[in-house]
Amino acid sequence: MNEEPTADAAAAAARRARFGRLPERIRFEDMTQEVEAAPGGVDTAYDPEGSWKYYSCLALDLGL
């Protein structure tokens, strides 16, 4: 009862030619790139006085 349907030989050969093997592996080094950081370091990007502007809390938004 587990008979596989027979496919046309030409269609099977075309399918095997297209999907017969996996693509080449991509090395991890090829998937990443190194970018130099902006001059000035981390301390120029952080503003402790203005950090409250970016804090999101539903209770604060509703005034609770």
PDB file of N, CA and C in Angstrom:
ATOM      1  N   MET A   1       0.800  -1.195   0.000  1.00  0.00           N
ATOM      2  CA  MET A   1       0.000   0.000   0.000  1.00  0.00           C
ATOM      3  C   MET A   1       0.847   1.264   0.000  1.00  0.00           C
ATOM      4  N   ASN A   2       2.109   1.184   0.353  1.00  0.00           N
ATOM      5  CA  ASN A   2       3.002   2.344   0.344  1.00  0.00           C
ATOM      6  C   ASN A   2       3.740   2.445  -0.977  1.00  0.00           C
ATOM      7  N   GLU A   3       3.012   2.522  -2.037  1.00  0.00           N
ATOM      8  CA  GLU A   3       3.641   2.649  -3.345  1.00  0.00           C
ATOM      9  C   GLU A   3       3.865   4.119  -3.654  1.00  0.00           C
ATOM     10  N   GLU A   4       5.092   4.455  -4.064  1.00  0.00           N
ATOM     11  CA  GLU A   4       5.389   5.835  -4.448  1.00  0.00           C
ATOM     12  C   GLU A   4       4.925   6.046  -5.877  1.00  0.00           C
ATOM     13  N   PRO A   5       4.380   7.191  -6.155  1.00  0.00           N
ATOM     14  CA  PRO A   5       3.970   7.451  -7.537  1.00  0.00           C
ATOM     15  C   PRO A   5       5.201   7.551  -8.437  1.00  0.00           C
ATOM     16  N   THR A   6       5.121   6.961  -9.587  1.00  0.00           N
ATOM     17  CA  THR A   6       6.250   6.992 -10.508  1.00  0.00           C
ATOM     18  C   THR A   6       6.234   8.314 -11.255  1.00  0.00           C
ATOM     19  N   ALA A   7       7.389   8.938 -11.344  1.00  0.00           N
ATOM     20  CA  ALA A   7       7.496  10.231 -12.019  1.00  0.00           C
ATOM     21  C   ALA A   7       8.177  10.027 -13.359  1.00  0.00           C
ATOM     22  N   ASP A   8       7.968  10.956 -14.201  1.00  0.00           N
ATOM     23  CA  ASP A   8       8.611  10.932 -15.511  1.00  0.00           C
ATOM     24  C   ASP A   8      10.122  10.987 -15.320  1.00  0.00           C
ATOM     25  N   ALA A   9      10.863  10.217 -16.066  1.00  0.00           N
ATOM     26  CA  ALA A   9      12.311  10.140 -15.907  1.00  0.00           C
ATOM     27  C   ALA A   9      12.979  11.485 -16.209  1.00  0.00           C
ATOM     28  N   ALA A  10      12.485  12.203 -17.186  1.00  0.00           N
ATOM     29  CA  ALA A  10      13.076  13.502 -17.528  1.00  0.00           C
ATOM     30  C   ALA A  10      12.817  14.516 -16.415  1.00  0.00           C
ATOM     31  N   ALA A  11      11.621  14.502 -15.849  1.00  0.00           N
ATOM     32  CA  ALA A  11      11.306  15.432 -14.767  1.00  0.00           C
ATOM     33  C   ALA A  11      12.138  15.106 -13.534  1.00  0.00           C
ATOM     34  N   ALA A  12      12.337  13.832 -13.260  1.00  0.00           N
ATOM     35  CA  ALA A  12      13.151  13.428 -12.120  1.00  0.00           C
ATOM     36  C   ALA A  12      14.601  13.842 -12.314  1.00  0.00           C
ATOM     37  N   ALA A  13      15.115  13.717 -13.523  1.00  0.00           N
ATOM     38  CA  ALA A  13      16.495  14.119 -13.800  1.00  0.00           C
ATOM     39  C   ALA A  13      16.656  15.630 -13.676  1.00  0.00           C
ATOM     40  N   ALA A  14      15.671  16.385 -14.133  1.00  0.00           N
ATOM     41  CA  ALA A  14      15.734  17.847 -14.024  1.00  0.00           C
ATOM     42  C   ALA A  14      15.672  18.276 -12.562  1.00  0.00           C
ATOM     43  N   ARG A  15      14.814  17.610 -11.792  1.00  0.00           N
ATOM     44  CA  ARG A  15      14.708  17.935 -10.374  1.00  0.00           C
ATOM     45  C   ARG A  15      16.005  17.603  -9.648  1.00  0.00           C
ATOM     46  N   ARG A  16      16.615  16.473  -9.979  1.00  0.00           N
ATOM     47  CA  ARG A  16      17.874  16.085  -9.359  1.00  0.00           C
ATOM     48  C   ARG A  16      19.001  17.040  -9.754  1.00  0.00           C
ATOM     49  N   ALA A  17      18.973  17.539 -10.987  1.00  0.00           N
ATOM     50  CA  ALA A  17      20.002  18.486 -11.423  1.00  0.00           C
ATOM     51  C   ALA A  17      19.865  19.819 -10.696  1.00  0.00           C
ATOM     52  N   ARG A  18      18.627  20.211 -10.410  1.00  0.00           N
ATOM     53  CA  ARG A  18      18.413  21.504  -9.764  1.00  0.00           C
ATOM     54  C   ARG A  18      18.559  21.432  -8.254  1.00  0.00           C
ATOM     55  N   PHE A  19      18.005  20.404  -7.640  1.00  0.00           N
ATOM     56  CA  PHE A  19      17.971  20.306  -6.181  1.00  0.00           C
ATOM     57  C   PHE A  19      18.780  19.126  -5.653  1.00  0.00           C
ATOM     58  N   GLY A  20      19.654  18.569  -6.455  1.00  0.00           N
ATOM     59  CA  GLY A  20      20.336  17.336  -6.081  1.00  0.00           C
ATOM     60  C   GLY A  20      21.355  17.462  -4.968  1.00  0.00           C
ATOM     61  N   ARG A  21      21.895  18.655  -4.740  1.00  0.00           N
ATOM     62  CA  ARG A  21      22.905  18.796  -3.689  1.00  0.00           C
ATOM     63  C   ARG A  21      22.722  20.122  -2.976  1.00  0.00           C
ATOM     64  N   LEU A  22      23.271  20.196  -1.790  1.00  0.00           N
ATOM     65  CA  LEU A  22      23.178  21.409  -0.998  1.00  0.00           C
ATOM     66  C   LEU A  22      24.113  22.477  -1.535  1.00  0.00           C
ATOM     67  N   PRO A  23      23.815  23.744  -1.306  1.00  0.00           N
ATOM     68  CA  PRO A  23      24.730  24.810  -1.735  1.00  0.00           C
ATOM     69  C   PRO A  23      26.008  24.782  -0.909  1.00  0.00           C
ATOM     70  N   GLU A  24      27.009  25.453  -1.402  1.00  0.00           N
ATOM     71  CA  GLU A  24      28.288  25.521  -0.701  1.00  0.00           C
ATOM     72  C   GLU A  24      28.109  26.191   0.651  1.00  0.00           C
ATOM     73  N   ARG A  25      28.890  25.756   1.626  1.00  0.00           N
ATOM     74  CA  ARG A  25      28.833  26.357   2.957  1.00  0.00           C
ATOM     75  C   ARG A  25      29.429  27.755   2.923  1.00  0.00           C
ATOM     76  N   ILE A  26      28.872  28.645   3.718  1.00  0.00           N
ATOM     77  CA  ILE A  26      29.393  30.003   3.846  1.00  0.00           C
ATOM     78  C   ILE A  26      30.142  30.078   5.165  1.00  0.00           C
ATOM     79  N   ARG A  27      31.379  30.507   5.102  1.00  0.00           N
ATOM     80  CA  ARG A  27      32.175  30.609   6.324  1.00  0.00           C
ATOM     81  C   ARG A  27      31.664  31.754   7.181  1.00  0.00           C
ATOM     82  N   PHE A  28      31.862  31.628   8.500  1.00  0.00           N
ATOM     83  CA  PHE A  28      31.429  32.665   9.432  1.00  0.00           C
ATOM     84  C   PHE A  28      32.136  33.983   9.137  1.00  0.00           C
ATOM     85  N   GLU A  29      33.395  33.918   8.754  1.00  0.00           N
ATOM     86  CA  GLU A  29      34.158  35.133   8.465  1.00  0.00           C
ATOM     87  C   GLU A  29      33.563  35.892   7.284  1.00  0.00           C
ATOM     88  N   ASP A  30      32.923  35.179   6.358  1.00  0.00           N
ATOM     89  CA  ASP A  30      32.311  35.835   5.210  1.00  0.00           C
ATOM     90  C   ASP A  30      30.959  36.459   5.540  1.00  0.00           C
ATOM     91  N   MET A  31      30.356  36.068   6.662  1.00  0.00           N
ATOM     92  CA  MET A  31      29.052  36.603   7.039  1.00  0.00           C
ATOM     93  C   MET A  31      29.161  37.816   7.948  1.00  0.00           C
ATOM     94  N   THR A  32      30.340  38.120   8.440  1.00  0.00           N
ATOM     95  CA  THR A  32      30.511  39.250   9.353  1.00  0.00           C
ATOM     96  C   THR A  32      31.471  40.260   8.741  1.00  0.00           C
ATOM     97  N   GLN A  33      31.390  41.459   9.214  1.00  0.00           N
ATOM     98  CA  GLN A  33      32.343  42.474   8.803  1.00  0.00           C
ATOM     99  C   GLN A  33      32.708  43.313  10.005  1.00  0.00           C
ATOM    100  N   GLU A  34      33.906  43.798  10.005  1.00  0.00           N
ATOM    101  CA  GLU A  34      34.381  44.639  11.095  1.00  0.00           C
ATOM    102  C   GLU A  34      34.287  46.092  10.663  1.00  0.00           C
ATOM    103  N   VAL A  35      33.702  46.904  11.533  1.00  0.00           N
ATOM    104  CA  VAL A  35      33.570  48.326  11.262  1.00  0.00           C
ATOM    105  C   VAL A  35      34.217  49.065  12.416  1.00  0.00           C
ATOM    106  N   GLU A  36      35.025  50.028  12.072  1.00  0.00           N
ATOM    107  CA  GLU A  36      35.699  50.785  13.110  1.00  0.00           C
ATOM    108  C   GLU A  36      34.710  51.707  13.822  1.00  0.00           C
ATOM    109  N   ALA A  37      34.841  51.786  15.125  1.00  0.00           N
ATOM    110  CA  ALA A  37      33.927  52.607  15.924  1.00  0.00           C
ATOM    111  C   ALA A  37      34.194  54.083  15.677  1.00  0.00           C
ATOM    112  N   ALA A  38      33.192  54.882  15.960  1.00  0.00           N
ATOM    113  CA  ALA A  38      33.322  56.322  15.802  1.00  0.00           C
ATOM    114  C   ALA A  38      34.313  56.864  16.827  1.00  0.00           C
ATOM    115  N   PRO A  39      35.047  57.892  16.467  1.00  0.00           N
ATOM    116  CA  PRO A  39      35.998  58.457  17.426  1.00  0.00           C
ATOM    117  C   PRO A  39      35.269  59.099  18.601  1.00  0.00           C
ATOM    118  N   GLY A  40      35.892  59.039  19.751  1.00  0.00           N
ATOM    119  CA  GLY A  40      35.297  59.654  20.927  1.00  0.00           C
ATOM    120  C   GLY A  40      34.942  58.648  21.991  1.00  0.00           C
ATOM    121  N   GLY A  41      34.743  57.421  21.617  1.00  0.00           N
ATOM    122  CA  GLY A  41      34.462  56.387  22.597  1.00  0.00           C
ATOM    123  C   GLY A  41      33.015  56.350  23.021  1.00  0.00           C
ATOM    124  N   VAL A  42      32.762  55.601  24.083  1.00  0.00           N
ATOM    125  CA  VAL A  42      31.407  55.360  24.553  1.00  0.00           C
ATOM    126  C   VAL A  42      30.863  56.550  25.334  1.00  0.00           C
ATOM    127  N   ASP A  43      31.692  57.232  26.072  1.00  0.00           N
ATOM    128  CA  ASP A  43      31.202  58.282  26.962  1.00  0.00           C
ATOM    129  C   ASP A  43      30.580  59.457  26.220  1.00  0.00           C
ATOM    130  N   THR A  44      30.840  59.651  24.940  1.00  0.00           N
ATOM    131  CA  THR A  44      30.211  60.747  24.211  1.00  0.00           C
ATOM    132  C   THR A  44      28.795  60.398  23.779  1.00  0.00           C
ATOM    133  N   ALA A  45      28.440  59.111  23.725  1.00  0.00           N
ATOM    134  CA  ALA A  45      27.115  58.719  23.269  1.00  0.00           C
ATOM    135  C   ALA A  45      26.116  58.634  24.421  1.00  0.00           C
ATOM    136  N   TYR A  46      26.571  58.547  25.655  1.00  0.00           N
ATOM    137  CA  TYR A  46      25.661  58.377  26.784  1.00  0.00           C
ATOM    138  C   TYR A  46      25.463  59.705  27.503  1.00  0.00           C
ATOM    139  N   ASP A  47      24.213  60.083  27.672  1.00  0.00           N
ATOM    140  CA  ASP A  47      23.871  61.307  28.370  1.00  0.00           C
ATOM    141  C   ASP A  47      23.005  60.956  29.567  1.00  0.00           C
ATOM    142  N   PRO A  48      23.565  60.880  30.780  1.00  0.00           N
ATOM    143  CA  PRO A  48      22.763  60.461  31.932  1.00  0.00           C
ATOM    144  C   PRO A  48      21.633  61.437  32.268  1.00  0.00           C
ATOM    145  N   GLU A  49      21.795  62.715  31.968  1.00  0.00           N
ATOM    146  CA  GLU A  49      20.744  63.692  32.260  1.00  0.00           C
ATOM    147  C   GLU A  49      19.553  63.534  31.311  1.00  0.00           C
ATOM    148  N   GLY A  50      19.808  63.135  30.088  1.00  0.00           N
ATOM    149  CA  GLY A  50      18.731  63.012  29.114  1.00  0.00           C
ATOM    150  C   GLY A  50      18.234  61.602  28.934  1.00  0.00           C
ATOM    151  N   SER A  51      18.730  60.651  29.732  1.00  0.00           N
ATOM    152  CA  SER A  51      18.339  59.258  29.542  1.00  0.00           C
ATOM    153  C   SER A  51      16.883  59.009  29.916  1.00  0.00           C
ATOM    154  N   TRP A  52      16.272  59.841  30.730  1.00  0.00           N
ATOM    155  CA  TRP A  52      14.880  59.650  31.117  1.00  0.00           C
ATOM    156  C   TRP A  52      13.934  59.811  29.932  1.00  0.00           C
ATOM    157  N   LYS A  53      14.360  60.518  28.901  1.00  0.00           N
ATOM    158  CA  LYS A  53      13.516  60.746  27.735  1.00  0.00           C
ATOM    159  C   LYS A  53      13.211  59.451  26.984  1.00  0.00           C
ATOM    160  N   TYR A  54      14.094  58.491  27.099  1.00  0.00           N
ATOM    161  CA  TYR A  54      13.963  57.259  26.336  1.00  0.00           C
ATOM    162  C   TYR A  54      13.428  56.111  27.181  1.00  0.00           C
ATOM    163  N   TYR A  55      13.057  56.384  28.413  1.00  0.00           N
ATOM    164  CA  TYR A  55      12.522  55.346  29.300  1.00  0.00           C
ATOM    165  C   TYR A  55      11.035  55.197  29.006  1.00  0.00           C
ATOM    166  N   SER A  56      10.592  53.996  28.723  1.00  0.00           N
ATOM    167  CA  SER A  56       9.201  53.761  28.399  1.00  0.00           C
ATOM    168  C   SER A  56       8.595  52.825  29.423  1.00  0.00           C
ATOM    169  N   CYS A  57       7.519  53.272  30.036  1.00  0.00           N
ATOM    170  CA  CYS A  57       6.815  52.471  31.038  1.00  0.00           C
ATOM    171  C   CYS A  57       5.341  52.821  30.932  1.00  0.00           C
ATOM    172  N   LEU A  58       4.494  51.823  30.840  1.00  0.00           N
ATOM    173  CA  LEU A  58       3.061  52.067  30.678  1.00  0.00           C
ATOM    174  C   LEU A  58       2.485  52.818  31.880  1.00  0.00           C
ATOM    175  N   ALA A  59       2.925  52.464  33.090  1.00  0.00           N
ATOM    176  CA  ALA A  59       2.417  53.150  34.280  1.00  0.00           C
ATOM    177  C   ALA A  59       2.772  54.627  34.251  1.00  0.00           C
ATOM    178  N   LEU A  60       3.990  54.961  33.823  1.00  0.00           N
ATOM    179  CA  LEU A  60       4.371  56.373  33.735  1.00  0.00           C
ATOM    180  C   LEU A  60       3.611  57.084  32.619  1.00  0.00           C
ATOM    181  N   ASP A  61       3.397  56.378  31.509  1.00  0.00           N
ATOM    182  CA  ASP A  61       2.667  56.989  30.410  1.00  0.00           C
ATOM    183  C   ASP A  61       1.223  57.312  30.807  1.00  0.00           C
ATOM    184  N   LEU A  62       0.641  56.483  31.670  1.00  0.00           N
ATOM    185  CA  LEU A  62      -0.735  56.712  32.103  1.00  0.00           C
ATOM    186  C   LEU A  62      -0.812  57.660  33.296  1.00  0.00           C
ATOM    187  N   GLY A  63       0.339  58.046  33.837  1.00  0.00           N
ATOM    188  CA  GLY A  63       0.370  58.955  34.968  1.00  0.00           C
ATOM    189  C   GLY A  63       0.060  58.299  36.283  1.00  0.00           C
ATOM    190  N   LEU A  64       0.305  57.018  36.409  1.00  0.00           N
ATOM    191  CA  LEU A  64       0.037  56.303  37.673  1.00  0.00           C
ATOM    192  C   LEU A  64       1.200  56.374  38.601  1.00  0.00           C
TER     193      LEU A  64
END
